[in-house]
C-alpha atoms as a PDB file:
ATOM      1  CA  MET A   1      16.983  -9.233  -9.437  1.00  0.00           C
ATOM      2  CA  SER A   2      19.605  -7.630 -11.925  1.00  0.00           C
ATOM      3  CA  SER A   3      16.667  -8.943 -14.890  1.00  0.00           C
ATOM      4  CA  PHE A   4      14.904  -6.109 -13.430  1.00  0.00           C
ATOM      5  CA  SER A   5      16.833  -3.821 -15.211  1.00  0.00           C
ATOM      6  CA  ASP A   6      15.430  -5.160 -18.854  1.00  0.00           C
ATOM      7  CA  PRO A   7      11.785  -6.140 -18.301  1.00  0.00           C
ATOM      8  CA  SER A   8      11.714  -7.246 -21.846  1.00  0.00           C
ATOM      9  CA  LEU A   9      13.423 -10.212 -20.536  1.00  0.00           C
ATOM     10  CA  LEU A  10      10.678 -10.756 -18.345  1.00  0.00           C
ATOM     11  CA  SER A  11       7.576  -9.735 -20.123  1.00  0.00           C
ATOM     12  CA  LYS A  12       5.700 -12.372 -20.331  1.00  0.00           C
ATOM     13  CA  LEU A  13       6.427 -13.952 -17.065  1.00  0.00           C
ATOM     14  CA  GLU A  14       3.033 -15.108 -14.906  1.00  0.00           C
ATOM     15  CA  TYR A  15       4.472 -16.841 -12.530  1.00  0.00           C
ATOM     16  CA  LEU A  16       7.137 -15.491  -9.661  1.00  0.00           C
ATOM     17  CA  ASP A  17       7.629 -17.863  -6.534  1.00  0.00           C
ATOM     18  CA  VAL A  18      10.279 -15.979  -4.293  1.00  0.00           C
ATOM     19  CA  GLY A  19       9.469 -17.747  -0.957  1.00  0.00           C
ATOM     20  CA  TYR A  20      12.090 -18.508   1.497  1.00  0.00           C
ATOM     21  CA  ASN A  21      14.539 -16.047   0.681  1.00  0.00           C
ATOM     22  CA  HIS A  22      15.115 -13.652   3.751  1.00  0.00           C
ATOM     23  CA  LEU A  23      13.840 -10.944   1.399  1.00  0.00           C
ATOM     24  CA  THR A  24      13.076  -7.849   3.742  1.00  0.00           C
ATOM     25  CA  ALA A  25      10.972  -5.788   0.709  1.00  0.00           C
ATOM     26  CA  ILE A  26       9.546  -6.632  -2.552  1.00  0.00           C
ATOM     27  CA  PRO A  27      11.488  -5.310  -5.372  1.00  0.00           C
ATOM     28  CA  GLU A  28       9.607  -2.193  -6.612  1.00  0.00           C
ATOM     29  CA  GLU A  29      10.531  -3.471  -9.723  1.00  0.00           C
ATOM     30  CA  VAL A  30       8.063  -6.126  -9.240  1.00  0.00           C
ATOM     31  CA  ALA A  31       5.614  -3.963 -10.270  1.00  0.00           C
ATOM     32  CA  ASN A  32       6.947  -3.474 -14.094  1.00  0.00           C
ATOM     33  CA  LEU A  33       6.318  -7.053 -14.975  1.00  0.00           C
ATOM     34  CA  PRO A  34       2.813  -6.952 -17.405  1.00  0.00           C
ATOM     35  CA  SER A  35       1.874 -10.605 -17.046  1.00  0.00           C
ATOM     36  CA  LEU A  36       2.749 -11.447 -13.880  1.00  0.00           C
ATOM     37  CA  LYS A  37      -0.214 -12.857 -12.540  1.00  0.00           C
ATOM     38  CA  THR A  38       0.971 -14.607  -9.526  1.00  0.00           C
ATOM     39  CA  LEU A  39       3.252 -13.375  -6.811  1.00  0.00           C
ATOM     40  CA  LYS A  40       4.494 -16.180  -3.871  1.00  0.00           C
ATOM     41  CA  CYS A  41       6.434 -14.338  -1.032  1.00  0.00           C
ATOM     42  CA  MET A  42       5.709 -16.690   2.056  1.00  0.00           C
ATOM     43  CA  ASN A  43       7.883 -17.192   4.789  1.00  0.00           C
ATOM     44  CA  ASN A  44      10.544 -14.384   4.003  1.00  0.00           C
ATOM     45  CA  LEU A  45      11.096 -11.432   5.959  1.00  0.00           C
ATOM     46  CA  ILE A  46       8.827  -8.524   4.478  1.00  0.00           C
ATOM     47  CA  GLU A  47       7.050  -6.156   6.484  1.00  0.00           C
ATOM     48  CA  ILE A  48       5.464  -3.602   4.130  1.00  0.00           C
ATOM     49  CA  ILE A  49       3.552  -4.564   1.202  1.00  0.00           C
ATOM     50  CA  SER A  50       3.569  -1.226  -1.051  1.00  0.00           C
ATOM     51  CA  ALA A  51       0.572   0.092  -2.839  1.00  0.00           C
ATOM     52  CA  ALA A  52       2.485  -0.245  -5.895  1.00  0.00           C
ATOM     53  CA  ILE A  53       2.411  -4.073  -5.865  1.00  0.00           C
ATOM     54  CA  CYS A  54      -1.080  -3.961  -4.849  1.00  0.00           C
ATOM     55  CA  GLU A  55      -2.568  -1.800  -6.750  1.00  0.00           C
ATOM     56  CA  LYS A  56      -0.864  -1.300 -10.219  1.00  0.00           C
ATOM     57  CA  MET A  57      -0.097  -4.781 -10.674  1.00  0.00           C
ATOM     58  CA  ASP A  58      -2.914  -7.387 -11.999  1.00  0.00           C
ATOM     59  CA  LEU A  59      -2.465  -9.676  -9.818  1.00  0.00           C
ATOM     60  CA  ARG A  60      -4.590 -12.548  -9.185  1.00  0.00           C
ATOM     61  CA  VAL A  61      -3.150 -14.000  -6.107  1.00  0.00           C
ATOM     62  CA  LEU A  62      -0.200 -12.366  -3.726  1.00  0.00           C
ATOM     63  CA  ASP A  63       0.395 -14.687  -1.306  1.00  0.00           C
ATOM     64  CA  VAL A  64       2.147 -13.077   1.556  1.00  0.00           C
ATOM     65  CA  SER A  65       2.016 -15.506   4.579  1.00  0.00           C
ATOM     66  CA  PHE A  66       4.250 -16.346   7.085  1.00  0.00           C
ATOM     67  CA  ASN A  67       6.018 -12.801   6.887  1.00  0.00           C
ATOM     68  CA  PRO A  68       6.275 -10.342  10.071  1.00  0.00           C
ATOM     69  CA  LEU A  69       4.027  -7.679   8.108  1.00  0.00           C
ATOM     70  CA  VAL A  70       3.003  -4.164   9.646  1.00  0.00           C
ATOM     71  CA  GLN A  71       1.387  -2.098   6.623  1.00  0.00           C
ATOM     72  CA  PRO A  72      -1.052  -3.606   5.406  1.00  0.00           C
ATOM     73  CA  PRO A  73      -2.103  -5.150   8.463  1.00  0.00           C
ATOM     74  CA  LEU A  74      -1.656  -8.759   8.802  1.00  0.00           C
ATOM     75  CA  GLU A  75      -5.049  -9.546   9.250  1.00  0.00           C
ATOM     76  CA  THR A  76      -5.593  -7.575   6.102  1.00  0.00           C
ATOM     77  CA  CYS A  77      -3.243  -9.557   4.437  1.00  0.00           C
ATOM     78  CA  GLU A  78      -4.426 -12.728   5.685  1.00  0.00           C
ATOM     79  CA  ARG A  79      -7.957 -11.427   3.957  1.00  0.00           C
ATOM     80  CA  GLY A  80      -6.335 -11.674   0.343  1.00  0.00           C
ATOM     81  CA  LEU A  81      -5.126  -9.209  -2.221  1.00  0.00           C
ATOM     82  CA  HIS A  82      -9.069  -7.713  -2.507  1.00  0.00           C
ATOM     83  CA  SER A  83      -8.431  -6.651   0.894  1.00  0.00           C
ATOM     84  CA  MET A  84      -5.480  -5.152   0.830  1.00  0.00           C
ATOM     85  CA  ARG A  85      -6.328  -3.327  -2.351  1.00  0.00           C
ATOM     86  CA  ARG A  86      -9.266  -1.572  -0.487  1.00  0.00           C
ATOM     87  CA  TYR A  87      -7.085  -0.533   2.677  1.00  0.00           C
ATOM     88  CA  TYR A  88      -4.965   1.204   0.257  1.00  0.00           C
ATOM     89  CA  HIS A  89      -7.794   2.829  -1.262  1.00  0.00           C
ATOM     90  CA  CYS A  90      -8.800   4.084   2.340  1.00  0.00           C
ATOM     91  CA  LEU A  91      -5.515   5.074   2.689  1.00  0.00           C
ATOM     92  CA  LYS A  92      -5.726   7.678  -0.171  1.00  0.00           C
ATOM     93  CA  LEU A  93      -9.299   8.533   0.871  1.00  0.00           C
ATOM     94  CA  GLU A  94      -8.207   9.595   4.087  1.00  0.00           C
ATOM     95  CA  GLU A  95      -4.953  11.253   2.482  1.00  0.00           C
ATOM     96  CA  MET A  96      -7.735  13.340   0.503  1.00  0.00           C
ATOM     97  CA  ALA A  97      -9.941  14.134   2.929  1.00  0.00           C
ATOM     98  CA  GLU A  98      -7.456  15.584   5.648  1.00  0.00           C
ATOM     99  CA  PRO A  99      -6.519  18.775   4.436  1.00  0.00           C
ATOM    100  CA  ASP A 100      -9.990  19.375   3.888  1.00  0.00           C
ATOM    101  CA  PHE A 101     -10.493  18.353   7.567  1.00  0.00           C
ATOM    102  CA  GLN A 102      -7.257  20.555   8.543  1.00  0.00           C
ATOM    103  CA  GLN A 103      -9.328  23.482   6.880  1.00  0.00           C
ATOM    104  CA  GLN A 104     -12.261  23.027   9.123  1.00  0.00           C
ATOM    105  CA  GLN A 105     -10.414  22.739  12.165  1.00  0.00           C
ATOM    106  CA  GLN A 106      -8.711  25.870  11.388  1.00  0.00           C
ATOM    107  CA  GLN A 107     -11.772  27.872  10.368  1.00  0.00           C
ATOM    108  CA  GLN A 108     -13.680  26.827  13.712  1.00  0.00           C
ATOM    109  CA  GLN A 109     -10.792  28.025  15.599  1.00  0.00           C
ATOM    110  CA  GLN A 110     -10.768  31.058  14.408  1.00  0.00           C
ATOM    111  CA  GLN A 111     -14.300  31.613  14.723  1.00  0.00           C
ATOM    112  CA  GLN A 112     -14.079  31.092  18.412  1.00  0.00           C
ATOM    113  CA  GLN A 113     -11.304  33.227  18.525  1.00  0.00           C
ATOM    114  CA  GLN A 114     -13.042  36.239  17.282  1.00  0.00           C
ATOM    115  CA  GLN A 115     -16.117  35.162  18.835  1.00  0.00           C
ATOM    116  CA  GLN A 116     -13.828  35.432  22.362  1.00  0.00           C
ATOM    117  CA  GLN A 117     -12.126  38.744  21.448  1.00  0.00           C
ATOM    118  CA  GLN A 118     -15.602  40.410  20.620  1.00  0.00           C
ATOM    119  CA  PRO A 119     -16.938  42.826  23.755  1.00  0.00           C
ATOM    120  CA  ARG A 120     -19.492  41.301  25.325  1.00  0.00           C
ATOM    121  CA  ARG A 121     -23.211  43.090  25.957  1.00  0.00           C
END
């Protein structure tokens, strides 16, 4: 895949089938293929489909069947590209909400500690 170092060579590529190649990952450089619409990666050893592959590309078809997928979960991948995109969107929302949640917990703990330290009448 040394051609990925010069994306202009593959700028018009619309269909890529890398099935049955014992790949353990989809190269991140694939996300730099602006015209790619169909990516077939079936029957490999891929465990993780990156968010960049799912979200940043204008893919219409992403076939990752028959891989030992962990992220997104296999069930999500079986539902298709739309479900994979939704999975990563939800993860982002959780990450954005997490600092607020942690801050609220800390404030609640501080309030509880202050209440416990106040003398009872």
